[in-house]
Amino acid sequence: MSLRYLEFDYSEDTEGVGTYEAMASVSANQVSAVQAEVAQVLSWAFHDFPDARGPLDEGFEWDYDLQAQIESSTQETWQFDAALGLVLTTRQQPGEPRHTVTLSLSGTQAFCQALRERFDLG
């Protein structure tokens, strides 16, 4: 099963611990779809690897970190006024807020392989 909003990147440390990290930045009307994908991934992990979540350096098979924030931006126009020798700025109205979510999953080789296969992470 592939995911629409969460696009994972993979890295591995020298001890063979793999980490899949994904970020999604969406408008308010897409937040529920991203939440559904996060819930789907974490539900799978808790179901298929029960009682295995915790710090990997303490012998657990997998762990995760989930963070979210709302960001808004305001467009700003800069113009150089040669007569004054200054840069003048004009601000526009703030744009629509963006909801940014990051999900990191770290785990053993077995966990990462199962995650890769379940969500077609390549």
N, C-alpha and C. Protein backbone atom coordinates (compact mmCIF):
# COMPACT_ATOMS: atom_id res chain seq x y z
N MET A 1 0.84 -1.17 0.00
CA MET A 1 0.00 0.00 0.00
C MET A 1 0.89 1.24 0.00
N SER A 2 0.66 2.14 -0.90
CA SER A 2 1.47 3.35 -0.95
C SER A 2 0.73 4.49 -0.25
N LEU A 3 1.50 5.47 0.14
CA LEU A 3 0.99 6.62 0.86
C LEU A 3 0.98 7.83 -0.07
N ARG A 4 0.03 8.70 0.14
CA ARG A 4 -0.12 9.86 -0.74
C ARG A 4 0.64 11.09 -0.21
N TYR A 5 0.59 11.32 1.08
CA TYR A 5 1.17 12.53 1.65
C TYR A 5 2.53 12.31 2.30
N LEU A 6 2.69 11.19 2.96
CA LEU A 6 3.95 10.91 3.63
C LEU A 6 4.94 10.28 2.65
N GLU A 7 6.01 10.97 2.40
CA GLU A 7 7.07 10.47 1.52
C GLU A 7 8.31 10.26 2.37
N PHE A 8 8.68 9.00 2.54
CA PHE A 8 9.75 8.65 3.47
C PHE A 8 11.12 8.62 2.79
N ASP A 9 12.12 9.10 3.54
CA ASP A 9 13.53 8.96 3.17
C ASP A 9 14.15 8.00 4.18
N TYR A 10 15.09 7.19 3.70
CA TYR A 10 15.70 6.17 4.55
C TYR A 10 17.17 6.48 4.80
N SER A 11 17.60 6.23 6.02
CA SER A 11 19.02 6.29 6.36
C SER A 11 19.31 5.17 7.34
N GLU A 12 20.58 4.82 7.45
CA GLU A 12 20.98 3.74 8.34
C GLU A 12 22.27 4.13 9.03
N ASP A 13 22.36 3.82 10.32
CA ASP A 13 23.59 4.16 11.03
C ASP A 13 24.58 3.00 10.95
N THR A 14 25.73 3.17 11.55
CA THR A 14 26.80 2.16 11.46
C THR A 14 26.48 0.88 12.21
N GLU A 15 25.47 0.93 13.09
CA GLU A 15 25.08 -0.25 13.85
C GLU A 15 23.90 -1.00 13.21
N GLY A 16 23.47 -0.54 12.02
CA GLY A 16 22.39 -1.22 11.30
C GLY A 16 21.00 -0.76 11.68
N VAL A 17 20.88 0.28 12.49
CA VAL A 17 19.56 0.81 12.83
C VAL A 17 19.10 1.70 11.68
N GLY A 18 17.92 1.40 11.16
CA GLY A 18 17.38 2.18 10.05
C GLY A 18 16.40 3.23 10.55
N THR A 19 16.32 4.33 9.81
CA THR A 19 15.38 5.39 10.13
C THR A 19 14.67 5.83 8.87
N TYR A 20 13.35 5.83 8.94
CA TYR A 20 12.50 6.37 7.88
C TYR A 20 11.93 7.69 8.38
N GLU A 21 12.16 8.75 7.62
CA GLU A 21 11.66 10.07 7.99
C GLU A 21 10.77 10.62 6.88
N ALA A 22 9.62 11.15 7.29
CA ALA A 22 8.70 11.74 6.33
C ALA A 22 8.24 13.10 6.84
N MET A 23 7.97 13.99 5.90
CA MET A 23 7.41 15.28 6.22
C MET A 23 6.30 15.58 5.22
N ALA A 24 5.23 16.14 5.73
CA ALA A 24 4.14 16.59 4.87
C ALA A 24 3.79 18.01 5.28
N SER A 25 3.61 18.88 4.31
CA SER A 25 3.20 20.25 4.57
C SER A 25 1.96 20.51 3.74
N VAL A 26 0.83 20.69 4.43
CA VAL A 26 -0.46 20.75 3.73
C VAL A 26 -1.31 21.91 4.23
N SER A 27 -2.33 22.21 3.45
CA SER A 27 -3.30 23.22 3.87
C SER A 27 -4.29 22.58 4.85
N ALA A 28 -5.10 23.40 5.48
CA ALA A 28 -6.02 22.93 6.52
C ALA A 28 -6.97 21.85 6.02
N ASN A 29 -7.39 21.94 4.78
CA ASN A 29 -8.36 20.95 4.28
C ASN A 29 -7.72 19.59 3.99
N GLN A 30 -6.42 19.46 4.11
CA GLN A 30 -5.74 18.18 3.89
C GLN A 30 -5.22 17.55 5.18
N VAL A 31 -5.36 18.24 6.30
CA VAL A 31 -4.83 17.76 7.57
C VAL A 31 -5.41 16.40 7.94
N SER A 32 -6.70 16.23 7.79
CA SER A 32 -7.31 14.95 8.19
C SER A 32 -6.76 13.79 7.36
N ALA A 33 -6.44 14.02 6.09
CA ALA A 33 -5.87 12.96 5.26
C ALA A 33 -4.47 12.59 5.73
N VAL A 34 -3.68 13.59 6.13
CA VAL A 34 -2.34 13.32 6.66
C VAL A 34 -2.45 12.60 8.00
N GLN A 35 -3.37 13.03 8.84
CA GLN A 35 -3.57 12.35 10.12
C GLN A 35 -3.95 10.89 9.90
N ALA A 36 -4.77 10.63 8.90
CA ALA A 36 -5.18 9.25 8.60
C ALA A 36 -3.98 8.41 8.17
N GLU A 37 -3.08 8.98 7.37
CA GLU A 37 -1.89 8.24 6.95
C GLU A 37 -0.96 7.97 8.13
N VAL A 38 -0.76 8.96 8.98
CA VAL A 38 0.08 8.77 10.17
C VAL A 38 -0.52 7.68 11.04
N ALA A 39 -1.84 7.72 11.25
CA ALA A 39 -2.51 6.71 12.07
C ALA A 39 -2.39 5.33 11.44
N GLN A 40 -2.46 5.27 10.13
CA GLN A 40 -2.35 3.99 9.42
C GLN A 40 -0.95 3.38 9.63
N VAL A 41 0.08 4.19 9.48
CA VAL A 41 1.46 3.70 9.64
C VAL A 41 1.70 3.27 11.09
N LEU A 42 1.31 4.12 12.04
CA LEU A 42 1.56 3.78 13.44
C LEU A 42 0.68 2.62 13.92
N SER A 43 -0.55 2.53 13.44
CA SER A 43 -1.40 1.38 13.79
C SER A 43 -0.77 0.08 13.32
N TRP A 44 -0.24 0.10 12.10
CA TRP A 44 0.44 -1.09 11.57
C TRP A 44 1.62 -1.46 12.48
N ALA A 45 2.44 -0.47 12.83
CA ALA A 45 3.63 -0.74 13.64
C ALA A 45 3.26 -1.30 15.01
N PHE A 46 2.27 -0.70 15.66
CA PHE A 46 1.86 -1.19 16.98
C PHE A 46 1.22 -2.57 16.88
N HIS A 47 0.51 -2.84 15.78
CA HIS A 47 -0.14 -4.14 15.61
C HIS A 47 0.85 -5.24 15.26
N ASP A 48 1.73 -4.97 14.29
CA ASP A 48 2.64 -6.01 13.82
C ASP A 48 3.89 -6.18 14.70
N PHE A 49 4.21 -5.18 15.49
CA PHE A 49 5.36 -5.24 16.38
C PHE A 49 4.91 -4.84 17.80
N PRO A 50 3.94 -5.59 18.37
CA PRO A 50 3.42 -5.23 19.69
C PRO A 50 4.49 -5.41 20.77
N ASP A 51 4.43 -4.58 21.77
CA ASP A 51 5.35 -4.63 22.90
C ASP A 51 6.81 -4.50 22.48
N ALA A 52 7.07 -3.98 21.28
CA ALA A 52 8.44 -3.86 20.77
C ALA A 52 8.87 -2.40 20.62
N ARG A 53 7.98 -1.45 20.98
CA ARG A 53 8.30 -0.04 20.82
C ARG A 53 9.00 0.50 22.05
N GLY A 54 10.11 1.17 21.81
CA GLY A 54 10.86 1.81 22.88
C GLY A 54 12.25 2.13 22.38
N PRO A 55 13.09 2.65 23.25
CA PRO A 55 14.45 3.02 22.84
C PRO A 55 15.20 1.81 22.27
N LEU A 56 15.75 1.97 21.09
CA LEU A 56 16.46 0.87 20.45
C LEU A 56 17.72 0.49 21.22
N ASP A 57 18.35 1.46 21.86
CA ASP A 57 19.55 1.16 22.62
C ASP A 57 19.25 0.40 23.91
N GLU A 58 17.97 0.21 24.21
CA GLU A 58 17.56 -0.61 25.35
C GLU A 58 17.00 -1.96 24.91
N GLY A 59 17.18 -2.28 23.61
CA GLY A 59 16.79 -3.59 23.13
C GLY A 59 15.43 -3.67 22.45
N PHE A 60 14.73 -2.55 22.31
CA PHE A 60 13.45 -2.57 21.62
C PHE A 60 13.66 -2.63 20.11
N GLU A 61 12.62 -3.00 19.37
CA GLU A 61 12.75 -3.17 17.92
C GLU A 61 12.48 -1.90 17.13
N TRP A 62 11.65 -1.01 17.68
CA TRP A 62 11.33 0.20 16.91
C TRP A 62 10.87 1.31 17.85
N ASP A 63 10.92 2.53 17.31
CA ASP A 63 10.44 3.70 18.04
C ASP A 63 10.03 4.75 17.01
N TYR A 64 9.34 5.76 17.48
CA TYR A 64 8.92 6.82 16.54
C TYR A 64 8.94 8.17 17.22
N ASP A 65 8.96 9.21 16.38
CA ASP A 65 8.86 10.59 16.82
C ASP A 65 7.87 11.27 15.89
N LEU A 66 6.88 11.93 16.45
CA LEU A 66 5.84 12.60 15.66
C LEU A 66 5.75 14.04 16.14
N GLN A 67 5.86 14.97 15.19
CA GLN A 67 5.78 16.39 15.52
C GLN A 67 4.94 17.11 14.48
N ALA A 68 4.31 18.20 14.91
CA ALA A 68 3.49 18.99 13.99
C ALA A 68 3.56 20.46 14.39
N GLN A 69 3.41 21.30 13.40
CA GLN A 69 3.35 22.74 13.66
C GLN A 69 2.55 23.41 12.57
N ILE A 70 2.04 24.57 12.91
CA ILE A 70 1.31 25.38 11.93
C ILE A 70 2.20 26.58 11.61
N GLU A 71 2.38 26.80 10.32
CA GLU A 71 3.23 27.90 9.86
C GLU A 71 2.40 28.80 8.95
N SER A 72 2.63 30.07 9.06
CA SER A 72 2.02 30.99 8.10
C SER A 72 3.12 31.90 7.57
N SER A 73 2.94 32.35 6.37
CA SER A 73 3.95 33.22 5.78
C SER A 73 3.29 34.46 5.21
N THR A 74 4.09 35.48 5.14
CA THR A 74 3.63 36.75 4.57
C THR A 74 4.60 37.13 3.47
N GLN A 75 4.06 37.35 2.30
CA GLN A 75 4.88 37.79 1.17
C GLN A 75 5.35 39.22 1.42
N GLU A 76 6.61 39.44 1.11
CA GLU A 76 7.19 40.77 1.31
C GLU A 76 7.91 41.18 0.03
N THR A 77 7.65 42.39 -0.41
CA THR A 77 8.30 42.92 -1.60
C THR A 77 9.38 43.91 -1.18
N TRP A 78 10.59 43.72 -1.74
CA TRP A 78 11.69 44.62 -1.46
C TRP A 78 12.00 45.44 -2.71
N GLN A 79 12.22 46.72 -2.52
CA GLN A 79 12.64 47.59 -3.62
C GLN A 79 13.73 48.52 -3.11
N PHE A 80 14.71 48.73 -3.97
CA PHE A 80 15.79 49.62 -3.60
C PHE A 80 15.46 51.02 -4.09
N ASP A 81 15.50 51.99 -3.18
CA ASP A 81 15.28 53.40 -3.52
C ASP A 81 16.65 54.05 -3.65
N ALA A 82 17.07 54.28 -4.91
CA ALA A 82 18.40 54.82 -5.17
C ALA A 82 18.58 56.21 -4.58
N ALA A 83 17.53 57.02 -4.58
CA ALA A 83 17.64 58.39 -4.06
C ALA A 83 17.90 58.38 -2.55
N LEU A 84 17.26 57.45 -1.84
CA LEU A 84 17.44 57.36 -0.39
C LEU A 84 18.59 56.43 0.00
N GLY A 85 18.98 55.56 -0.92
CA GLY A 85 20.01 54.57 -0.62
C GLY A 85 19.52 53.51 0.36
N LEU A 86 18.22 53.25 0.31
CA LEU A 86 17.61 52.30 1.25
C LEU A 86 16.82 51.22 0.52
N VAL A 87 16.65 50.11 1.19
CA VAL A 87 15.73 49.07 0.71
C VAL A 87 14.41 49.29 1.43
N LEU A 88 13.35 49.47 0.65
CA LEU A 88 12.01 49.68 1.21
C LEU A 88 11.22 48.38 1.06
N THR A 89 10.40 48.08 2.07
CA THR A 89 9.64 46.83 2.05
C THR A 89 8.15 47.12 2.13
N THR A 90 7.40 46.25 1.48
CA THR A 90 5.95 46.27 1.53
C THR A 90 5.48 44.86 1.83
N ARG A 91 4.64 44.70 2.84
CA ARG A 91 4.12 43.38 3.19
C ARG A 91 2.72 43.19 2.68
N GLN A 92 2.45 41.96 2.23
CA GLN A 92 1.12 41.58 1.79
C GLN A 92 0.36 40.97 2.97
N GLN A 93 -0.89 40.62 2.74
CA GLN A 93 -1.66 39.92 3.77
C GLN A 93 -1.06 38.53 3.98
N PRO A 94 -1.11 38.01 5.20
CA PRO A 94 -0.61 36.65 5.44
C PRO A 94 -1.33 35.64 4.57
N GLY A 95 -0.59 34.63 4.14
CA GLY A 95 -1.16 33.57 3.34
C GLY A 95 -1.85 32.54 4.21
N GLU A 96 -2.42 31.54 3.57
CA GLU A 96 -3.09 30.46 4.28
C GLU A 96 -2.08 29.67 5.10
N PRO A 97 -2.42 29.36 6.35
CA PRO A 97 -1.48 28.59 7.18
C PRO A 97 -1.21 27.21 6.58
N ARG A 98 0.01 26.73 6.78
CA ARG A 98 0.41 25.39 6.36
C ARG A 98 0.62 24.56 7.61
N HIS A 99 0.14 23.33 7.56
CA HIS A 99 0.32 22.38 8.66
C HIS A 99 1.45 21.45 8.25
N THR A 100 2.53 21.47 9.03
CA THR A 100 3.70 20.64 8.72
C THR A 100 3.82 19.54 9.76
N VAL A 101 3.90 18.32 9.27
CA VAL A 101 3.98 17.14 10.13
C VAL A 101 5.25 16.38 9.78
N THR A 102 5.99 15.95 10.79
CA THR A 102 7.14 15.08 10.56
C THR A 102 6.93 13.80 11.37
N LEU A 103 7.23 12.68 10.73
CA LEU A 103 7.14 11.38 11.35
C LEU A 103 8.44 10.64 11.08
N SER A 104 9.10 10.22 12.14
CA SER A 104 10.33 9.44 12.03
C SER A 104 10.10 8.10 12.71
N LEU A 105 10.45 7.04 12.01
CA LEU A 105 10.39 5.69 12.55
C LEU A 105 11.78 5.09 12.47
N SER A 106 12.28 4.62 13.60
CA SER A 106 13.58 3.96 13.63
C SER A 106 13.38 2.53 14.08
N GLY A 107 14.19 1.64 13.52
CA GLY A 107 14.02 0.25 13.92
C GLY A 107 15.12 -0.67 13.45
N THR A 108 14.97 -1.90 13.85
CA THR A 108 15.89 -2.96 13.44
C THR A 108 15.73 -3.22 11.96
N GLN A 109 16.63 -4.01 11.42
CA GLN A 109 16.53 -4.37 10.00
C GLN A 109 15.22 -5.07 9.70
N ALA A 110 14.76 -5.95 10.60
CA ALA A 110 13.50 -6.67 10.39
C ALA A 110 12.33 -5.70 10.37
N PHE A 111 12.31 -4.75 11.28
CA PHE A 111 11.23 -3.76 11.32
C PHE A 111 11.23 -2.92 10.05
N CYS A 112 12.40 -2.43 9.65
CA CYS A 112 12.49 -1.58 8.46
C CYS A 112 12.08 -2.33 7.20
N GLN A 113 12.48 -3.60 7.10
CA GLN A 113 12.10 -4.40 5.95
C GLN A 113 10.58 -4.58 5.90
N ALA A 114 9.97 -4.86 7.03
CA ALA A 114 8.51 -5.03 7.08
C ALA A 114 7.80 -3.73 6.74
N LEU A 115 8.29 -2.60 7.24
CA LEU A 115 7.71 -1.29 6.93
C LEU A 115 7.82 -1.00 5.45
N ARG A 116 8.98 -1.26 4.89
CA ARG A 116 9.23 -1.03 3.46
C ARG A 116 8.26 -1.83 2.61
N GLU A 117 8.07 -3.10 2.96
CA GLU A 117 7.16 -3.96 2.20
C GLU A 117 5.71 -3.57 2.36
N ARG A 118 5.31 -3.25 3.59
CA ARG A 118 3.90 -2.92 3.86
C ARG A 118 3.45 -1.66 3.15
N PHE A 119 4.33 -0.65 3.09
CA PHE A 119 3.93 0.64 2.52
C PHE A 119 4.65 0.93 1.20
N ASP A 120 5.24 -0.09 0.60
CA ASP A 120 5.85 0.05 -0.73
C ASP A 120 6.81 1.24 -0.77
N LEU A 121 7.76 1.25 0.17
CA LEU A 121 8.68 2.37 0.29
C LEU A 121 9.92 2.25 -0.60
N GLY A 122 10.02 1.17 -1.33
CA GLY A 122 11.10 1.02 -2.30
C GLY A 122 12.43 0.72 -1.79
